[in-house]
N, C-alpha and C. Protein backbone atom coordinates (compact mmCIF):
# COMPACT_ATOMS: atom_id res chain seq x y z
N MET A 1 146.36 -0.14 169.92
CA MET A 1 145.85 0.37 168.67
C MET A 1 144.50 1.07 168.87
N LYS A 2 143.61 0.40 169.64
CA LYS A 2 142.29 0.97 169.87
C LYS A 2 142.41 2.29 170.64
N ARG A 3 143.35 2.37 171.59
CA ARG A 3 143.53 3.59 172.37
C ARG A 3 143.97 4.75 171.47
N GLY A 4 144.86 4.47 170.54
CA GLY A 4 145.30 5.49 169.58
C GLY A 4 144.15 5.96 168.70
N PHE A 5 143.30 5.04 168.29
CA PHE A 5 142.14 5.39 167.45
C PHE A 5 141.18 6.26 168.25
N ASN A 6 140.93 5.91 169.51
CA ASN A 6 140.02 6.70 170.34
C ASN A 6 140.57 8.12 170.55
N PHE A 7 141.88 8.22 170.78
CA PHE A 7 142.49 9.52 170.96
C PHE A 7 142.33 10.37 169.69
N LEU A 8 142.60 9.75 168.54
CA LEU A 8 142.46 10.45 167.26
C LEU A 8 141.02 10.90 167.05
N LEU A 9 140.07 10.04 167.40
CA LEU A 9 138.65 10.38 167.26
C LEU A 9 138.29 11.57 168.16
N VAL A 10 138.79 11.59 169.38
CA VAL A 10 138.53 12.71 170.30
C VAL A 10 139.13 14.00 169.74
N VAL A 11 140.33 13.92 169.21
CA VAL A 11 140.97 15.11 168.63
C VAL A 11 140.16 15.63 167.44
N ILE A 12 139.70 14.73 166.60
CA ILE A 12 138.91 15.14 165.43
C ILE A 12 137.60 15.79 165.86
N VAL A 13 136.91 15.19 166.82
CA VAL A 13 135.65 15.76 167.32
C VAL A 13 135.89 17.12 167.96
N ALA A 14 136.94 17.24 168.75
CA ALA A 14 137.26 18.52 169.38
C ALA A 14 137.57 19.59 168.33
N PHE A 15 138.34 19.22 167.32
CA PHE A 15 138.65 20.15 166.25
C PHE A 15 137.38 20.58 165.51
N ALA A 16 136.52 19.62 165.19
CA ALA A 16 135.27 19.93 164.49
C ALA A 16 134.38 20.84 165.32
N ALA A 17 134.29 20.58 166.62
CA ALA A 17 133.48 21.43 167.50
C ALA A 17 134.05 22.85 167.56
N GLY A 18 135.37 22.94 167.67
CA GLY A 18 136.00 24.26 167.68
C GLY A 18 135.78 25.02 166.39
N ALA A 19 135.93 24.33 165.27
CA ALA A 19 135.70 24.95 163.96
C ALA A 19 134.26 25.40 163.82
N ALA A 20 133.32 24.57 164.28
CA ALA A 20 131.90 24.94 164.20
C ALA A 20 131.62 26.17 165.05
N GLY A 21 132.22 26.21 166.24
CA GLY A 21 132.03 27.37 167.11
C GLY A 21 132.59 28.64 166.51
N LEU A 22 133.77 28.54 165.91
CA LEU A 22 134.38 29.68 165.25
C LEU A 22 133.53 30.15 164.08
N TYR A 23 133.05 29.20 163.28
CA TYR A 23 132.20 29.54 162.14
C TYR A 23 130.93 30.24 162.61
N THR A 24 130.30 29.70 163.64
CA THR A 24 129.07 30.29 164.16
C THR A 24 129.32 31.69 164.69
N ALA A 25 130.41 31.86 165.42
CA ALA A 25 130.73 33.18 165.97
C ALA A 25 130.95 34.19 164.86
N ARG A 26 131.57 33.78 163.78
CA ARG A 26 131.81 34.70 162.66
C ARG A 26 130.55 35.00 161.88
N GLN A 27 129.60 34.09 161.87
CA GLN A 27 128.38 34.26 161.09
C GLN A 27 127.29 35.00 161.86
N SER A 28 127.33 34.95 163.16
CA SER A 28 126.27 35.53 163.97
C SER A 28 126.65 36.92 164.44
N PRO A 29 125.72 37.86 164.31
CA PRO A 29 125.99 39.17 164.87
C PRO A 29 126.02 39.06 166.39
N SER A 30 126.75 39.94 167.03
CA SER A 30 126.84 39.87 168.48
C SER A 30 126.39 41.18 169.11
N GLN A 31 126.13 41.09 170.39
CA GLN A 31 125.77 42.26 171.17
C GLN A 31 126.74 42.31 172.34
N PRO A 32 127.78 43.15 172.23
CA PRO A 32 128.78 43.19 173.29
C PRO A 32 128.23 43.82 174.57
N ALA A 33 128.76 43.37 175.69
CA ALA A 33 128.38 43.95 176.98
C ALA A 33 128.97 45.36 177.07
N PRO A 34 128.18 46.31 177.57
CA PRO A 34 128.70 47.67 177.68
C PRO A 34 129.84 47.74 178.70
N THR A 35 130.87 48.45 178.34
CA THR A 35 132.00 48.70 179.22
C THR A 35 132.36 50.17 179.09
N PRO A 36 133.12 50.72 180.02
CA PRO A 36 133.53 52.12 179.86
C PRO A 36 134.29 52.35 178.54
N ALA A 37 135.15 51.41 178.14
CA ALA A 37 135.91 51.57 176.90
C ALA A 37 134.98 51.56 175.69
N LEU A 38 134.01 50.67 175.71
CA LEU A 38 133.06 50.60 174.60
C LEU A 38 132.19 51.85 174.54
N ASN A 39 131.76 52.32 175.69
CA ASN A 39 130.97 53.56 175.74
C ASN A 39 131.79 54.74 175.22
N ALA A 40 133.09 54.77 175.54
CA ALA A 40 133.97 55.84 175.05
C ALA A 40 134.12 55.75 173.54
N ALA A 41 134.20 54.52 173.01
CA ALA A 41 134.31 54.34 171.56
C ALA A 41 133.05 54.82 170.85
N VAL A 42 131.89 54.53 171.43
CA VAL A 42 130.62 55.01 170.85
C VAL A 42 130.59 56.54 170.88
N ALA A 43 131.06 57.12 171.96
CA ALA A 43 131.11 58.59 172.04
C ALA A 43 132.02 59.16 170.95
N LYS A 44 133.16 58.51 170.70
CA LYS A 44 134.05 58.96 169.61
C LYS A 44 133.35 58.85 168.26
N LEU A 45 132.64 57.75 168.07
CA LEU A 45 131.90 57.56 166.81
C LEU A 45 130.88 58.67 166.63
N MET A 46 130.11 58.94 167.66
CA MET A 46 129.07 59.96 167.56
C MET A 46 129.64 61.37 167.45
N ALA A 47 130.90 61.55 167.80
CA ALA A 47 131.55 62.86 167.68
C ALA A 47 132.11 63.10 166.28
N LEU A 48 132.08 62.05 165.44
CA LEU A 48 132.60 62.22 164.08
C LEU A 48 131.76 63.23 163.31
N ASP A 49 132.41 64.01 162.52
CA ASP A 49 131.79 65.01 161.65
C ASP A 49 132.47 64.83 160.30
N LEU A 50 131.79 64.16 159.37
CA LEU A 50 132.42 63.76 158.12
C LEU A 50 131.68 64.36 156.92
N PRO A 51 132.41 64.61 155.83
CA PRO A 51 131.75 65.16 154.64
C PRO A 51 130.92 64.10 153.93
N ASP A 52 129.79 64.54 153.39
CA ASP A 52 128.98 63.65 152.56
C ASP A 52 129.45 63.74 151.12
N THR A 53 128.70 63.17 150.20
CA THR A 53 129.13 63.14 148.80
C THR A 53 129.06 64.50 148.12
N THR A 54 128.41 65.46 148.78
CA THR A 54 128.39 66.82 148.23
C THR A 54 129.45 67.70 148.89
N GLY A 55 130.16 67.14 149.87
CA GLY A 55 131.18 67.90 150.60
C GLY A 55 130.64 68.56 151.86
N LYS A 56 129.32 68.44 152.09
CA LYS A 56 128.71 69.05 153.27
C LYS A 56 129.03 68.22 154.51
N SER A 57 129.36 68.90 155.58
CA SER A 57 129.70 68.25 156.84
C SER A 57 128.46 67.59 157.46
N GLN A 58 128.61 66.34 157.88
CA GLN A 58 127.50 65.59 158.49
C GLN A 58 127.94 65.06 159.85
N PRO A 59 127.55 65.73 160.93
CA PRO A 59 127.88 65.20 162.25
C PRO A 59 126.99 63.99 162.57
N LEU A 60 127.59 62.91 163.00
CA LEU A 60 126.78 61.74 163.35
C LEU A 60 125.86 62.03 164.53
N ALA A 61 126.22 62.99 165.35
CA ALA A 61 125.39 63.36 166.50
C ALA A 61 124.00 63.84 166.09
N GLN A 62 123.84 64.26 164.83
CA GLN A 62 122.52 64.72 164.39
C GLN A 62 121.47 63.60 164.43
N TRP A 63 121.93 62.35 164.49
CA TRP A 63 121.00 61.22 164.49
C TRP A 63 120.84 60.59 165.86
N GLN A 64 121.35 61.23 166.90
CA GLN A 64 121.15 60.70 168.25
C GLN A 64 119.66 60.65 168.55
N GLY A 65 119.26 59.63 169.30
CA GLY A 65 117.85 59.47 169.63
C GLY A 65 117.12 58.56 168.64
N LYS A 66 117.80 58.20 167.56
CA LYS A 66 117.24 57.26 166.59
C LYS A 66 117.99 55.94 166.71
N VAL A 67 117.39 54.89 166.18
CA VAL A 67 118.14 53.66 166.00
C VAL A 67 119.08 53.96 164.83
N LEU A 68 120.36 53.77 165.03
CA LEU A 68 121.35 54.16 164.03
C LEU A 68 122.08 52.93 163.52
N VAL A 69 121.97 52.69 162.22
CA VAL A 69 122.69 51.60 161.56
C VAL A 69 123.90 52.24 160.90
N VAL A 70 125.08 51.93 161.40
CA VAL A 70 126.32 52.52 160.89
C VAL A 70 127.10 51.42 160.18
N ASN A 71 127.34 51.63 158.90
CA ASN A 71 128.03 50.63 158.09
C ASN A 71 129.34 51.23 157.57
N PHE A 72 130.46 50.63 158.00
CA PHE A 72 131.78 51.02 157.49
C PHE A 72 132.02 50.17 156.24
N TRP A 73 132.35 50.81 155.14
CA TRP A 73 132.46 50.11 153.86
C TRP A 73 133.42 50.84 152.94
N ALA A 74 133.65 50.27 151.76
CA ALA A 74 134.47 50.90 150.72
C ALA A 74 134.00 50.39 149.36
N THR A 75 134.18 51.20 148.33
CA THR A 75 133.77 50.79 146.98
C THR A 75 134.62 49.64 146.46
N TRP A 76 135.85 49.50 146.96
CA TRP A 76 136.74 48.44 146.49
C TRP A 76 136.51 47.12 147.23
N CYS A 77 135.52 47.07 148.11
CA CYS A 77 135.23 45.89 148.94
C CYS A 77 134.00 45.17 148.38
N PRO A 78 134.18 44.03 147.67
CA PRO A 78 133.03 43.33 147.09
C PRO A 78 131.91 42.98 148.07
N PRO A 79 132.21 42.45 149.28
CA PRO A 79 131.10 42.17 150.20
C PRO A 79 130.34 43.44 150.62
N CYS A 80 131.07 44.56 150.69
CA CYS A 80 130.43 45.83 151.04
C CYS A 80 129.42 46.21 149.96
N ARG A 81 129.87 46.14 148.73
CA ARG A 81 129.01 46.50 147.60
C ARG A 81 127.79 45.59 147.52
N LYS A 82 127.98 44.32 147.89
CA LYS A 82 126.90 43.34 147.82
C LYS A 82 125.77 43.66 148.80
N GLU A 83 126.10 44.13 150.01
CA GLU A 83 125.07 44.34 151.02
C GLU A 83 124.36 45.68 150.93
N ILE A 84 124.90 46.63 150.19
CA ILE A 84 124.33 47.97 150.16
C ILE A 84 122.91 48.01 149.56
N PRO A 85 122.58 47.27 148.51
CA PRO A 85 121.18 47.32 148.04
C PRO A 85 120.18 46.89 149.13
N ALA A 86 120.52 45.89 149.92
CA ALA A 86 119.64 45.46 151.02
C ALA A 86 119.55 46.55 152.08
N PHE A 87 120.68 47.19 152.39
CA PHE A 87 120.68 48.27 153.36
C PHE A 87 119.79 49.42 152.86
N SER A 88 119.88 49.69 151.58
CA SER A 88 119.08 50.75 150.98
C SER A 88 117.59 50.43 151.13
N ALA A 89 117.21 49.20 150.82
CA ALA A 89 115.81 48.78 150.94
C ALA A 89 115.34 48.86 152.39
N MET A 90 116.17 48.39 153.31
CA MET A 90 115.80 48.42 154.74
C MET A 90 115.73 49.85 155.25
N SER A 91 116.58 50.73 154.74
CA SER A 91 116.54 52.13 155.19
C SER A 91 115.21 52.77 154.80
N GLN A 92 114.70 52.42 153.65
CA GLN A 92 113.41 52.95 153.22
C GLN A 92 112.26 52.31 154.02
N LYS A 93 112.36 51.01 154.26
CA LYS A 93 111.31 50.30 155.00
C LYS A 93 111.17 50.84 156.42
N TYR A 94 112.28 51.18 157.07
CA TYR A 94 112.24 51.58 158.47
C TYR A 94 112.41 53.08 158.70
N ALA A 95 112.42 53.87 157.65
CA ALA A 95 112.66 55.31 157.78
C ALA A 95 111.62 55.99 158.69
N ASP A 96 110.37 55.57 158.60
CA ASP A 96 109.33 56.20 159.41
C ASP A 96 109.19 55.57 160.79
N LYS A 97 110.12 54.68 161.13
CA LYS A 97 110.09 54.03 162.44
C LYS A 97 111.27 54.46 163.31
N GLY A 98 111.87 55.59 162.97
CA GLY A 98 112.96 56.12 163.79
C GLY A 98 114.29 55.44 163.58
N VAL A 99 114.49 54.84 162.39
CA VAL A 99 115.75 54.17 162.08
C VAL A 99 116.49 55.01 161.03
N GLN A 100 117.76 55.28 161.29
CA GLN A 100 118.59 56.03 160.36
C GLN A 100 119.80 55.20 159.98
N PHE A 101 120.05 55.07 158.70
CA PHE A 101 121.25 54.41 158.19
C PHE A 101 122.26 55.47 157.81
N VAL A 102 123.53 55.15 157.98
CA VAL A 102 124.60 55.99 157.47
C VAL A 102 125.75 55.07 157.06
N GLY A 103 126.28 55.31 155.88
CA GLY A 103 127.43 54.55 155.39
C GLY A 103 128.67 55.39 155.55
N ILE A 104 129.65 54.86 156.27
CA ILE A 104 130.94 55.55 156.43
C ILE A 104 131.92 54.86 155.49
N SER A 105 132.23 55.55 154.40
CA SER A 105 133.09 54.97 153.39
C SER A 105 134.55 55.32 153.63
N ILE A 106 135.36 54.29 153.56
CA ILE A 106 136.81 54.46 153.67
C ILE A 106 137.32 54.45 152.23
N ASP A 107 137.18 55.57 151.58
CA ASP A 107 137.41 55.63 150.14
C ASP A 107 137.62 57.08 149.71
N THR A 108 137.80 57.28 148.42
CA THR A 108 137.94 58.64 147.89
C THR A 108 136.56 59.22 147.62
N PRO A 109 136.43 60.54 147.73
CA PRO A 109 135.13 61.15 147.45
C PRO A 109 134.61 60.81 146.04
N LYS A 110 135.48 60.82 145.04
CA LYS A 110 135.04 60.52 143.67
C LYS A 110 134.46 59.11 143.57
N ASN A 111 135.14 58.13 144.16
CA ASN A 111 134.63 56.75 144.11
C ASN A 111 133.27 56.63 144.78
N VAL A 112 133.10 57.31 145.90
CA VAL A 112 131.83 57.23 146.63
C VAL A 112 130.72 57.92 145.85
N VAL A 113 131.01 59.08 145.29
CA VAL A 113 130.01 59.80 144.48
C VAL A 113 129.60 58.94 143.28
N ASP A 114 130.56 58.39 142.57
CA ASP A 114 130.25 57.55 141.42
C ASP A 114 129.41 56.34 141.83
N PHE A 115 129.74 55.73 142.96
CA PHE A 115 128.98 54.58 143.45
C PHE A 115 127.56 54.98 143.81
N GLN A 116 127.42 56.10 144.51
CA GLN A 116 126.09 56.55 144.93
C GLN A 116 125.21 56.87 143.73
N VAL A 117 125.77 57.47 142.72
CA VAL A 117 125.01 57.78 141.51
C VAL A 117 124.58 56.49 140.81
N ALA A 118 125.49 55.55 140.67
CA ALA A 118 125.20 54.29 139.98
C ALA A 118 124.22 53.42 140.75
N GLN A 119 124.33 53.39 142.08
CA GLN A 119 123.52 52.48 142.89
C GLN A 119 122.29 53.13 143.50
N LYS A 120 122.17 54.42 143.43
CA LYS A 120 121.02 55.14 144.01
C LYS A 120 120.82 54.76 145.49
N VAL A 121 121.88 54.89 146.27
CA VAL A 121 121.83 54.56 147.69
C VAL A 121 120.86 55.52 148.38
N ALA A 122 119.94 54.96 149.18
CA ALA A 122 118.84 55.72 149.76
C ALA A 122 119.13 56.33 151.12
N TYR A 123 120.36 56.28 151.56
CA TYR A 123 120.72 56.83 152.87
C TYR A 123 122.02 57.60 152.74
N PRO A 124 122.34 58.44 153.73
CA PRO A 124 123.54 59.26 153.63
C PRO A 124 124.82 58.42 153.61
N LEU A 125 125.71 58.80 152.71
CA LEU A 125 127.06 58.24 152.67
C LEU A 125 128.02 59.35 153.03
N VAL A 126 128.90 59.06 153.97
CA VAL A 126 129.92 60.03 154.36
C VAL A 126 131.28 59.40 154.09
N ILE A 127 132.28 60.24 153.99
CA ILE A 127 133.60 59.79 153.58
C ILE A 127 134.59 60.03 154.71
N ALA A 128 135.32 58.97 155.03
CA ALA A 128 136.29 59.04 156.13
C ALA A 128 137.67 58.63 155.63
N SER A 129 138.66 59.08 156.35
CA SER A 129 140.03 58.67 156.03
C SER A 129 140.26 57.26 156.56
N PRO A 130 141.26 56.57 156.04
CA PRO A 130 141.55 55.22 156.54
C PRO A 130 141.82 55.17 158.05
N SER A 131 142.23 56.27 158.65
CA SER A 131 142.50 56.27 160.09
C SER A 131 141.24 56.01 160.91
N VAL A 132 140.07 56.27 160.35
CA VAL A 132 138.81 56.05 161.07
C VAL A 132 138.58 54.55 161.30
N VAL A 133 139.17 53.70 160.46
CA VAL A 133 139.01 52.26 160.64
C VAL A 133 139.55 51.83 162.01
N SER A 134 140.54 52.55 162.53
CA SER A 134 141.07 52.18 163.85
C SER A 134 140.00 52.32 164.94
N LEU A 135 139.05 53.21 164.75
CA LEU A 135 137.94 53.34 165.70
C LEU A 135 137.09 52.07 165.72
N THR A 136 136.99 51.39 164.58
CA THR A 136 136.18 50.17 164.55
C THR A 136 136.77 49.09 165.45
N GLU A 137 138.09 49.12 165.64
CA GLU A 137 138.70 48.13 166.54
C GLU A 137 138.18 48.33 167.96
N GLU A 138 138.06 49.58 168.38
CA GLU A 138 137.53 49.88 169.71
C GLU A 138 136.07 49.47 169.84
N LEU A 139 135.37 49.39 168.69
CA LEU A 139 133.95 49.05 168.68
C LEU A 139 133.71 47.55 168.50
N GLY A 140 134.78 46.77 168.45
CA GLY A 140 134.62 45.32 168.36
C GLY A 140 135.15 44.68 167.10
N ASN A 141 135.68 45.46 166.19
CA ASN A 141 136.21 44.94 164.93
C ASN A 141 137.72 44.77 165.08
N THR A 142 138.12 43.72 165.80
CA THR A 142 139.54 43.55 166.13
C THR A 142 140.42 43.38 164.90
N SER A 143 139.88 42.85 163.80
CA SER A 143 140.68 42.69 162.59
C SER A 143 140.66 43.92 161.70
N GLN A 144 139.82 44.90 162.06
CA GLN A 144 139.65 46.13 161.28
C GLN A 144 139.27 45.85 159.83
N GLY A 145 138.46 44.82 159.63
CA GLY A 145 138.01 44.45 158.30
C GLY A 145 136.74 45.18 157.89
N LEU A 146 136.42 45.06 156.62
CA LEU A 146 135.20 45.64 156.06
C LEU A 146 134.43 44.55 155.33
N PRO A 147 133.13 44.65 155.26
CA PRO A 147 132.25 45.62 155.91
C PRO A 147 132.14 45.34 157.40
N PHE A 148 131.83 46.40 158.12
CA PHE A 148 131.63 46.33 159.56
C PHE A 148 130.41 47.18 159.88
N THR A 149 129.43 46.57 160.55
CA THR A 149 128.17 47.25 160.82
C THR A 149 127.86 47.24 162.31
N LEU A 150 127.39 48.37 162.78
CA LEU A 150 126.91 48.53 164.16
C LEU A 150 125.47 48.99 164.11
N ILE A 151 124.69 48.53 165.06
CA ILE A 151 123.37 49.11 165.26
C ILE A 151 123.36 49.65 166.68
N LEU A 152 123.09 50.95 166.79
CA LEU A 152 122.98 51.61 168.08
C LEU A 152 121.50 51.81 168.39
N ASP A 153 121.11 51.53 169.62
CA ASP A 153 119.72 51.75 170.01
C ASP A 153 119.47 53.25 170.21
N ARG A 154 118.27 53.60 170.54
CA ARG A 154 117.90 55.01 170.68
C ARG A 154 118.69 55.73 171.79
N LYS A 155 119.21 54.97 172.74
CA LYS A 155 119.98 55.57 173.84
C LYS A 155 121.48 55.56 173.55
N GLY A 156 121.88 55.07 172.36
CA GLY A 156 123.29 55.05 171.99
C GLY A 156 124.03 53.79 172.41
N GLY A 157 123.30 52.81 172.91
CA GLY A 157 123.93 51.54 173.28
C GLY A 157 124.08 50.64 172.05
N ILE A 158 125.13 49.85 172.04
CA ILE A 158 125.35 48.96 170.91
C ILE A 158 124.41 47.77 171.02
N SER A 159 123.62 47.59 169.98
CA SER A 159 122.66 46.49 169.93
C SER A 159 123.16 45.36 169.05
N LEU A 160 124.03 45.68 168.10
CA LEU A 160 124.56 44.67 167.19
C LEU A 160 125.94 45.10 166.69
N VAL A 161 126.83 44.14 166.60
CA VAL A 161 128.15 44.32 165.98
C VAL A 161 128.29 43.20 164.98
N LYS A 162 128.60 43.54 163.74
CA LYS A 162 128.75 42.50 162.72
C LYS A 162 129.92 42.83 161.82
N LEU A 163 130.91 41.94 161.82
CA LEU A 163 132.01 42.02 160.86
C LEU A 163 131.65 41.09 159.73
N GLY A 164 131.69 41.59 158.52
CA GLY A 164 131.31 40.79 157.36
C GLY A 164 129.92 41.19 156.89
N THR A 165 129.47 40.52 155.87
CA THR A 165 128.20 40.86 155.25
C THR A 165 127.04 40.58 156.21
N LEU A 166 126.17 41.56 156.34
CA LEU A 166 124.96 41.43 157.15
C LEU A 166 123.81 41.20 156.17
N SER A 167 123.18 40.06 156.25
CA SER A 167 122.12 39.74 155.29
C SER A 167 120.88 40.60 155.53
N GLU A 168 120.10 40.74 154.50
CA GLU A 168 118.87 41.51 154.59
C GLU A 168 117.94 40.89 155.64
N GLU A 169 117.91 39.57 155.72
CA GLU A 169 117.04 38.88 156.68
C GLU A 169 117.47 39.18 158.12
N GLU A 170 118.79 39.11 158.39
CA GLU A 170 119.29 39.42 159.73
C GLU A 170 118.97 40.85 160.11
N LEU A 171 119.22 41.74 159.18
CA LEU A 171 118.99 43.16 159.42
C LEU A 171 117.50 43.44 159.64
N ASP A 172 116.66 42.88 158.81
CA ASP A 172 115.22 43.08 158.93
C ASP A 172 114.72 42.56 160.28
N ARG A 173 115.20 41.38 160.67
CA ARG A 173 114.79 40.78 161.95
C ARG A 173 115.18 41.70 163.11
N LYS A 174 116.40 42.21 163.08
CA LYS A 174 116.88 43.07 164.16
C LYS A 174 116.10 44.39 164.20
N LEU A 175 115.88 44.99 163.05
CA LEU A 175 115.16 46.27 163.01
C LEU A 175 113.70 46.09 163.36
N ALA A 176 113.12 44.95 163.05
CA ALA A 176 111.72 44.67 163.42
C ALA A 176 111.59 44.64 164.94
N ASP A 177 112.61 44.14 165.63
CA ASP A 177 112.59 44.14 167.10
C ASP A 177 112.50 45.57 167.63
N PHE A 178 113.23 46.49 167.01
CA PHE A 178 113.18 47.89 167.45
C PHE A 178 111.82 48.53 167.20
N SER A 179 111.19 48.15 166.10
CA SER A 179 109.90 48.78 165.78
C SER A 179 108.80 48.31 166.72
N LYS A 180 109.04 47.21 167.45
CA LYS A 180 108.07 46.74 168.45
C LYS A 180 108.15 47.56 169.72
N ASN A 181 109.31 48.16 169.95
CA ASN A 181 109.53 48.92 171.20
C ASN A 181 108.91 50.29 171.13
């Protein structure tokens, strides 16, 4: 009887440890190791040329050399909508420190325009087709979920990958590190 209880206790502890690890991994932003495939995915991202809310073409390459915060989002995504005010505030706070935010919306132009007008988003929003979400898988978003945020350093290396809501505190902490450099 005691042996069965000990076994059950070990299984419960192992399950709890695994669940805690999974939870932590999902909550913490990561910094993937550079690989040729990841570098190729970043090159594809930077080669994107997407229309903004006025229909004007915006090549992401125009922001090379800056710290680039790229947020994939949609107006129909509640967590996406929740984090945008913080992103807007951080974009203004770090604008003079070489940090550029861009929101890549997987949505219709009308929805994005209406959202931008209502929310007064302080950084460029561009509009992409749903097929662009497949690029996020190459960048570390294996579930292709939204919101998905990347921070690229000034040399184009991935400094942060975050699937899910990125809190203002996490974002501020990460961007403060860049402003020290």
